[in-house]
Amino acid sequence: MPTDYYIAWGVYLLAIVGAQVVAWRLVRFIPQVDLRLILQLCLFALLITPAKLDADSNNWVPAFMAAIIEGVDHGLTAAMERLTPIFILMLVLIVLSLCKRFIPGLSFPSSRSSK
């Protein structure tokens, strides 16, 4: 594979980190910690999930971009096939965060002081 492909993915991953920082700054005013976490996990799943560009190609692209292109070219059914892995990853991340939330002794830090 050409090095431009890896450079593009590296730049994209840095952009995801930047988007997560911006999202964190935007949702920090929401008083419910669980809602903030779920919003950030959904954004992360949306941005990080890859999909194959073509069946015969070895190149991967972000799944939401592939879904947009498939939806414009082939309709909603083709777009939903590309969005399914994103929804599965969102569900897995939310379930894992809830499992962590309800394990005794482990909790997410509160943004408010305990004074």
Protein backbone atom coordinates (compact mmCIF):
# COMPACT_ATOMS: atom_id res chain seq x y z
CA MET A 1 0.00 0.00 0.00
CA PRO A 2 1.22 3.47 -0.69
CA THR A 3 2.46 5.58 2.17
CA ASP A 4 -0.07 8.31 1.29
CA TYR A 5 -2.80 5.92 2.46
CA TYR A 6 -1.19 5.57 5.89
CA ILE A 7 -0.48 9.29 6.13
CA ALA A 8 -4.14 10.04 5.36
CA TRP A 9 -5.27 7.64 8.09
CA GLY A 10 -2.79 9.18 10.53
CA VAL A 11 -4.10 12.66 9.82
CA TYR A 12 -7.67 11.36 10.14
CA LEU A 13 -6.89 9.79 13.54
CA LEU A 14 -5.41 13.09 14.73
CA ALA A 15 -8.59 14.81 13.56
CA ILE A 16 -10.63 12.30 15.58
CA VAL A 17 -8.61 13.18 18.68
CA GLY A 18 -9.28 16.86 17.99
CA ALA A 19 -12.99 16.19 17.51
CA GLN A 20 -13.12 14.30 20.81
CA VAL A 21 -11.47 17.22 22.60
CA VAL A 22 -13.96 19.66 21.06
CA ALA A 23 -16.85 17.35 21.95
CA TRP A 24 -15.57 17.07 25.51
CA ARG A 25 -15.50 20.86 25.78
CA LEU A 26 -19.04 21.10 24.37
CA VAL A 27 -20.64 18.45 26.59
CA ARG A 28 -18.89 19.32 29.84
CA PHE A 29 -21.80 21.61 30.76
CA ILE A 30 -24.29 18.72 30.71
CA PRO A 31 -24.86 17.83 34.35
CA GLN A 32 -25.54 14.11 33.74
CA VAL A 33 -22.21 12.27 33.58
CA ASP A 34 -23.75 9.25 31.88
CA LEU A 35 -25.26 11.34 29.10
CA ARG A 36 -21.93 13.08 28.47
CA LEU A 37 -20.18 9.72 28.26
CA ILE A 38 -22.75 8.23 25.90
CA LEU A 39 -22.57 11.25 23.58
CA GLN A 40 -18.79 11.04 23.42
CA LEU A 41 -18.83 7.28 22.87
CA CYS A 42 -21.34 7.63 20.03
CA LEU A 43 -19.20 10.30 18.36
CA PHE A 44 -16.11 8.11 18.78
CA ALA A 45 -17.89 5.09 17.27
CA LEU A 46 -19.20 7.18 14.38
CA LEU A 47 -15.77 8.51 13.50
CA ILE A 48 -13.53 5.49 14.16
CA THR A 49 -15.49 2.64 12.51
CA PRO A 50 -13.86 1.59 9.21
CA ALA A 51 -15.45 -0.04 6.18
CA LYS A 52 -13.98 -1.62 3.06
CA LEU A 53 -14.01 0.69 0.09
CA ASP A 54 -14.83 -2.09 -2.39
CA ALA A 55 -15.25 -5.83 -2.06
CA ASP A 56 -12.13 -6.48 -4.16
CA SER A 57 -10.09 -3.60 -2.72
CA ASN A 58 -7.85 -3.74 0.32
CA ASN A 59 -8.45 -0.07 1.19
CA TRP A 60 -10.52 1.00 4.18
CA VAL A 61 -12.45 4.26 4.63
CA PRO A 62 -14.47 5.70 7.52
CA ALA A 63 -17.83 3.91 7.51
CA PHE A 64 -19.94 7.05 7.82
CA MET A 65 -18.29 8.50 4.70
CA ALA A 66 -18.90 5.26 2.82
CA ALA A 67 -22.53 5.32 4.00
CA ILE A 68 -23.02 8.84 2.67
CA ILE A 69 -21.56 7.91 -0.71
CA GLU A 70 -23.55 4.65 -0.90
CA GLY A 71 -26.73 6.47 0.12
CA VAL A 72 -26.33 9.08 -2.61
CA ASP A 73 -25.41 6.53 -5.29
CA HIS A 74 -27.58 3.53 -4.42
CA GLY A 75 -30.21 4.62 -1.91
CA LEU A 76 -31.03 4.20 1.76
CA THR A 77 -30.72 0.40 1.83
CA ALA A 78 -27.09 0.50 0.73
CA ALA A 79 -26.34 3.25 3.24
CA MET A 80 -27.87 1.25 6.09
CA GLU A 81 -25.58 -1.68 5.28
CA ARG A 82 -22.61 0.64 5.85
CA LEU A 83 -24.10 2.10 9.05
CA THR A 84 -24.75 -1.26 10.72
CA PRO A 85 -21.15 -1.69 12.03
CA ILE A 86 -21.29 1.83 13.49
CA PHE A 87 -24.48 1.05 15.39
CA ILE A 88 -23.04 -2.25 16.64
CA LEU A 89 -19.90 -0.51 17.91
CA MET A 90 -22.01 2.20 19.57
CA LEU A 91 -24.06 -0.47 21.33
CA VAL A 92 -20.98 -2.38 22.49
CA LEU A 93 -19.31 0.77 23.84
CA ILE A 94 -22.45 1.87 25.66
CA VAL A 95 -22.97 -1.57 27.20
CA LEU A 96 -19.32 -1.66 28.33
CA SER A 97 -19.61 1.81 29.85
CA LEU A 98 -22.77 0.78 31.70
CA CYS A 99 -21.08 -2.38 32.96
CA LYS A 100 -18.23 -0.27 34.27
CA ARG A 101 -20.72 2.13 35.82
CA PHE A 102 -22.52 -0.55 37.81
CA ILE A 103 -19.50 -2.54 39.02
CA PRO A 104 -19.27 -1.93 42.77
CA GLY A 105 -16.37 0.29 43.75
CA LEU A 106 -15.93 1.79 40.29
CA SER A 107 -17.64 5.00 39.32
CA PHE A 108 -17.09 7.88 36.94
CA PRO A 109 -15.70 11.02 38.53
CA SER A 110 -18.20 13.75 39.17
CA SER A 111 -17.60 17.15 37.68
CA ARG A 112 -18.92 18.85 40.81
CA SER A 113 -16.93 19.16 43.98
CA SER A 114 -18.13 17.33 47.07
CA LYS A 115 -17.98 20.35 49.36
